[in-house]
Protein backbone atom coordinates (compact mmCIF):
# COMPACT_ATOMS: atom_id res chain seq x y z
CA MET A 1 19.43 18.32 -22.15
CA LYS A 2 15.87 18.24 -22.81
CA SER A 3 14.90 18.01 -19.19
CA ILE A 4 17.11 20.82 -18.28
CA PHE A 5 15.44 23.08 -20.97
CA LYS A 6 12.15 21.97 -19.93
CA VAL A 7 12.76 23.28 -16.31
CA SER A 8 14.28 26.45 -17.65
CA LEU A 9 11.26 27.12 -19.64
CA LEU A 10 8.90 26.74 -16.84
CA ALA A 11 11.29 28.71 -14.49
CA ALA A 12 11.12 31.48 -16.86
CA THR A 13 7.31 31.65 -16.82
CA VAL A 14 7.35 31.62 -12.68
CA MET A 15 9.75 34.48 -13.05
CA LEU A 16 7.81 36.46 -15.68
CA ALA A 17 4.94 36.53 -13.06
CA VAL A 18 7.34 37.50 -10.28
CA GLY A 19 9.20 40.16 -12.42
CA CYS A 20 5.77 41.69 -13.39
CA GLN A 21 4.77 41.85 -9.46
CA LYS A 22 7.99 43.63 -8.81
CA GLU A 23 7.46 46.35 -11.51
CA GLU A 24 3.84 47.26 -10.12
CA PRO A 25 3.45 50.64 -8.27
CA LYS A 26 3.94 50.61 -4.45
CA GLN A 27 0.71 51.30 -2.84
CA GLU A 28 -0.27 52.57 0.37
CA VAL A 29 -0.11 49.97 3.33
CA LYS A 30 -3.43 48.48 4.10
CA PRO A 31 -4.67 46.84 7.24
CA ALA A 32 -3.57 42.91 7.19
CA VAL A 33 -6.70 41.35 6.49
CA GLU A 34 -7.70 43.87 3.54
CA GLN A 35 -4.07 43.35 2.16
CA VAL A 36 -4.18 39.53 2.23
CA GLN A 37 -7.76 39.80 0.54
CA ALA A 38 -6.05 42.07 -2.30
CA GLU A 39 -3.18 39.66 -2.71
CA LYS A 40 -5.60 36.64 -3.42
CA ALA A 41 -7.50 38.48 -5.96
CA VAL A 42 -6.17 37.63 -9.28
CA HIS A 43 -8.20 38.91 -12.46
CA PHE A 44 -7.48 36.85 -15.69
CA LYS A 45 -8.45 39.05 -19.04
CA SER A 46 -8.13 35.86 -21.11
CA GLU A 47 -7.71 32.02 -21.12
CA ASP A 48 -4.01 32.47 -21.69
CA ASP A 49 -3.61 34.74 -18.72
CA LYS A 50 -5.11 31.92 -16.73
CA ALA A 51 -3.06 29.18 -18.30
CA ALA A 52 -0.05 31.16 -17.69
CA TYR A 53 -1.00 31.62 -13.82
CA ALA A 54 -1.95 27.97 -13.70
CA ILE A 55 1.86 26.85 -15.23
CA GLY A 56 3.36 29.20 -12.41
CA ALA A 57 1.11 27.64 -9.79
CA SER A 58 1.70 24.09 -10.85
CA PHE A 59 5.46 24.58 -11.14
CA ALA A 60 5.63 26.36 -7.63
CA ASN A 61 3.83 23.05 -6.11
CA TYR A 62 6.57 20.88 -7.75
CA LEU A 63 9.30 23.31 -6.56
CA ALA A 64 7.87 23.10 -2.85
CA GLN A 65 8.07 19.47 -3.09
CA SER A 66 11.19 19.50 -4.43
CA ILE A 67 12.59 21.56 -1.69
CA GLU A 68 10.83 19.52 1.19
CA LYS A 69 11.20 15.88 0.34
CA PRO A 70 15.11 15.96 0.42
CA SER A 71 14.89 18.18 3.63
CA GLU A 72 13.34 14.89 5.44
CA ILE A 73 16.66 12.84 4.39
CA GLY A 74 19.11 15.66 5.71
CA ILE A 75 19.62 17.69 2.31
CA ASP A 76 18.96 21.40 2.74
CA LEU A 77 17.94 23.04 -0.55
CA LYS A 78 17.37 26.81 0.40
CA LYS A 79 14.17 28.32 -0.97
CA GLU A 80 15.82 31.84 -1.65
CA LEU A 81 18.70 29.90 -3.93
CA VAL A 82 16.19 28.00 -5.73
CA LEU A 83 14.23 31.41 -6.38
CA LYS A 84 17.46 33.03 -7.56
CA GLY A 85 18.17 30.39 -9.84
CA ILE A 86 14.80 30.90 -11.65
CA GLU A 87 15.28 34.42 -11.54
CA ASP A 88 18.88 34.36 -13.09
CA VAL A 89 17.96 31.90 -15.80
CA PHE A 90 15.08 34.36 -16.97
CA ALA A 91 17.38 37.47 -16.76
CA ASP A 92 20.00 35.28 -19.03
CA LYS A 93 22.67 35.65 -16.06
CA ALA A 94 22.72 31.96 -14.97
CA ALA A 95 25.91 31.50 -12.37
CA LEU A 96 26.11 27.87 -13.76
CA ASN A 97 26.08 26.66 -17.38
CA GLU A 98 24.20 23.51 -18.73
CA ASP A 99 26.87 21.11 -18.06
CA GLU A 100 27.43 22.33 -14.71
CA ILE A 101 23.62 22.46 -14.05
CA ARG A 102 23.43 18.65 -15.04
CA ALA A 103 26.26 17.77 -12.97
CA ALA A 104 24.77 19.47 -9.95
CA LEU A 105 21.47 17.74 -10.40
CA GLU A 106 23.04 14.32 -10.88
CA SER A 107 24.78 15.02 -7.86
CA LEU A 108 21.80 15.79 -6.21
CA ASP A 109 19.96 12.66 -7.35
CA LYS A 110 23.09 10.68 -5.99
CA ARG A 111 23.05 12.08 -2.70
CA VAL A 112 19.13 11.56 -2.40
CA ALA A 113 19.64 7.97 -3.21
CA GLU A 114 22.54 7.51 -0.91
CA ASN A 115 20.60 9.33 1.92
CA MET A 116 17.48 7.44 1.25
CA GLN A 117 19.31 3.99 1.22
CA LYS A 118 21.10 4.73 4.63
CA GLN A 119 17.70 6.11 6.24
CA ALA A 120 15.95 2.92 5.25
CA ALA A 121 18.79 0.74 6.56
CA GLU A 122 18.66 2.51 9.88
CA LYS A 123 15.07 2.11 10.23
CA SER A 124 15.28 -1.39 9.21
CA ALA A 125 17.99 -2.26 11.68
CA ALA A 126 16.08 -0.21 14.63
CA ALA A 127 12.75 -2.17 13.66
CA LYS A 128 14.59 -5.64 13.77
CA LYS A 129 16.40 -4.71 17.20
CA ALA A 130 12.83 -3.54 18.37
CA GLY A 131 11.32 -6.83 17.21
CA ASP A 132 13.98 -8.94 19.07
CA ASP A 133 13.34 -7.16 22.24
CA PHE A 134 9.45 -7.50 21.78
CA ARG A 135 10.03 -11.38 21.22
CA ALA A 136 12.22 -11.86 23.85
CA GLU A 137 9.52 -10.10 26.30
CA PHE A 138 6.64 -12.15 24.74
CA ALA A 139 8.51 -15.37 25.15
CA LYS A 140 8.23 -14.72 29.11
CA GLN A 141 4.14 -14.62 29.12
CA GLU A 142 2.27 -17.38 30.25
CA GLY A 143 1.56 -20.10 27.56
CA VAL A 144 3.78 -18.85 25.03
CA LYS A 145 5.54 -21.51 22.74
CA THR A 146 7.89 -21.16 19.97
CA THR A 147 8.42 -23.44 17.01
CA ASP A 148 11.67 -24.54 15.53
CA SER A 149 11.32 -21.73 12.67
CA GLY A 150 11.06 -19.09 15.45
CA LEU A 151 7.20 -18.48 14.96
CA MET A 152 5.60 -17.69 18.72
CA TYR A 153 2.10 -18.39 19.57
CA GLN A 154 -0.36 -17.99 22.39
CA VAL A 155 -3.74 -19.87 22.54
CA LEU A 156 -6.39 -17.54 23.52
CA THR A 157 -9.49 -19.59 23.04
CA PRO A 158 -8.84 -23.53 22.97
CA THR A 159 -11.10 -26.00 21.27
CA GLU A 160 -10.77 -29.48 20.10
CA GLY A 161 -11.32 -30.28 16.36
CA GLU A 162 -9.92 -30.43 12.73
CA LYS A 163 -6.75 -28.56 12.04
CA PRO A 164 -5.97 -27.51 8.42
CA LYS A 165 -3.09 -28.40 6.13
CA ASP A 166 -1.10 -26.17 4.15
CA THR A 167 -3.02 -27.05 1.04
CA ASP A 168 -6.45 -26.27 2.47
CA THR A 169 -8.23 -23.12 1.89
CA VAL A 170 -9.18 -21.58 5.42
CA GLU A 171 -11.71 -18.90 6.70
CA VAL A 172 -10.69 -16.67 9.37
CA HIS A 173 -11.38 -13.50 11.31
CA TYR A 174 -8.24 -11.61 12.38
CA LYS A 175 -6.43 -8.37 13.61
CA GLY A 176 -2.64 -7.58 12.34
CA THR A 177 -0.65 -4.95 14.33
CA LEU A 178 3.06 -3.62 14.71
CA ILE A 179 4.78 -4.25 17.69
CA ASP A 180 3.64 -0.80 19.14
CA GLY A 181 0.16 -1.38 18.59
CA THR A 182 -0.51 0.17 15.39
CA GLN A 183 -3.11 -1.70 13.61
CA PHE A 184 -2.48 -2.30 9.73
CA ASP A 185 -5.12 -4.79 8.86
CA SER A 186 -8.24 -6.00 10.32
CA SER A 187 -11.29 -8.28 8.97
CA TYR A 188 -12.97 -7.39 12.07
CA ASP A 189 -13.07 -3.84 10.79
CA ARG A 190 -14.38 -4.92 7.23
CA GLY A 191 -17.23 -6.77 8.95
CA GLU A 192 -16.42 -10.01 7.18
CA THR A 193 -14.16 -13.02 7.11
CA ALA A 194 -11.05 -13.71 5.18
CA THR A 195 -10.87 -16.66 2.89
CA PHE A 196 -7.65 -17.94 1.38
CA PRO A 197 -5.31 -20.90 0.39
CA LEU A 198 -3.18 -21.57 3.20
CA ASN A 199 -0.09 -21.88 1.06
CA ARG A 200 -0.31 -18.42 -0.37
CA VAL A 201 0.31 -16.36 2.60
CA ILE A 202 3.21 -15.36 4.49
CA PRO A 203 5.16 -18.38 6.11
CA GLY A 204 4.45 -17.36 9.58
CA TRP A 205 0.40 -17.80 8.93
CA THR A 206 1.07 -21.03 6.63
CA GLU A 207 2.88 -22.43 9.81
CA GLY A 208 0.69 -21.14 12.43
CA VAL A 209 -2.79 -21.68 11.23
CA GLN A 210 -1.91 -25.22 11.01
CA LEU A 211 -1.70 -25.54 14.42
CA MET A 212 -5.16 -24.17 15.05
CA PRO A 213 -8.27 -26.45 15.65
CA VAL A 214 -11.30 -25.04 14.17
CA GLY A 215 -13.07 -22.55 16.53
CA SER A 216 -9.74 -21.56 18.35
CA LYS A 217 -8.21 -18.24 18.44
CA PHE A 218 -4.45 -17.87 18.60
CA LYS A 219 -2.20 -14.99 19.13
CA PHE A 220 0.92 -15.05 16.89
CA VAL A 221 4.20 -12.98 17.06
CA ILE A 222 5.82 -13.47 13.63
CA PRO A 223 9.52 -12.66 13.16
CA PRO A 224 10.13 -10.54 10.02
CA GLU A 225 11.87 -13.72 8.28
CA LEU A 226 8.62 -15.38 8.57
CA ALA A 227 6.55 -12.44 7.30
CA TYR A 228 7.74 -9.74 4.92
CA GLY A 229 11.27 -9.57 5.63
CA GLU A 230 13.11 -6.25 4.23
CA GLN A 231 10.32 -5.49 2.27
CA ASP A 232 9.31 -1.95 3.23
CA THR A 233 5.48 -0.83 2.85
CA PRO A 234 3.89 2.37 4.04
CA SER A 235 1.97 0.34 6.52
CA ILE A 236 4.55 -2.21 7.33
CA PRO A 237 8.41 -1.13 7.75
CA ALA A 238 11.23 -3.49 6.72
CA ASN A 239 12.18 -6.21 9.00
CA SER A 240 9.01 -5.77 11.28
CA THR A 241 8.15 -8.37 13.81
CA LEU A 242 4.13 -8.70 13.38
CA VAL A 243 1.50 -9.55 15.84
CA PHE A 244 -1.64 -11.31 14.93
CA GLU A 245 -4.92 -12.43 16.65
CA VAL A 246 -6.35 -15.02 14.58
CA GLU A 247 -9.62 -16.87 14.90
CA LEU A 248 -10.16 -20.01 12.39
CA VAL A 249 -13.72 -20.18 11.41
CA GLY A 250 -13.83 -23.09 9.10
CA ILE A 251 -11.81 -25.10 6.63
CA ASP A 252 -12.53 -25.98 2.84
CA ASN A 253 -10.68 -29.09 2.03
CA GLY A 254 -13.19 -30.28 -0.69
CA GLU A 255 -15.88 -31.17 1.99
CA GLN A 256 -17.71 -28.96 4.19
CA ALA A 257 -15.68 -28.92 7.48
CA ALA A 258 -17.90 -29.41 10.58
CA GLN A 259 -17.04 -26.88 13.44
């Protein structure tokens, strides 16, 4: 009940401004540029006026986002009906009572959650299939090997030397991309190597870097189950196959590793 009252109060504030604008006397039509400039000119007689305007602007931004976001997942919230709801509440003639408002909003929340879940599942399935296809093509390239776990690798710069254990700390240079080439991480771009315990990274890295002699450079293609799996992030979609180019710069196993 409290949240509905809060929205209604803000809605009333917005509609007060709208109502006042409607009551202003008609003015003669001005050239487009002058008219736009006139519309932008708002004069505040007091701090209360400015606060009132700020509440309206803030609520309008919130409403715009509330309308736009659902449209991205197939829910069409018509702007004119949103504004009509605000106007009717301010005029004390709402078409829905508070129980009906609550039920409609709860239904909206449920539909948004269901649509988002469905969309996420579709994107995840598409990413998995694309990754499967990419790995099948990558396997045909010269020198590509696949381990029992499904990790794929290709030696770009071969060397002879010490290889790390999973308990070692390694120093590497690397670049990580999605299968379409979109880069999501790069130590090269940061201008410094990365150092970390090998047993505290994704399984594909833990396994793959142990195959590398110091000074070598490998290309790894890591299936989602050895990467981030179904975890969805802004830069790495769920079920993504990841591509890394990795240079093993050094090993710290308690002694200074000679390259």
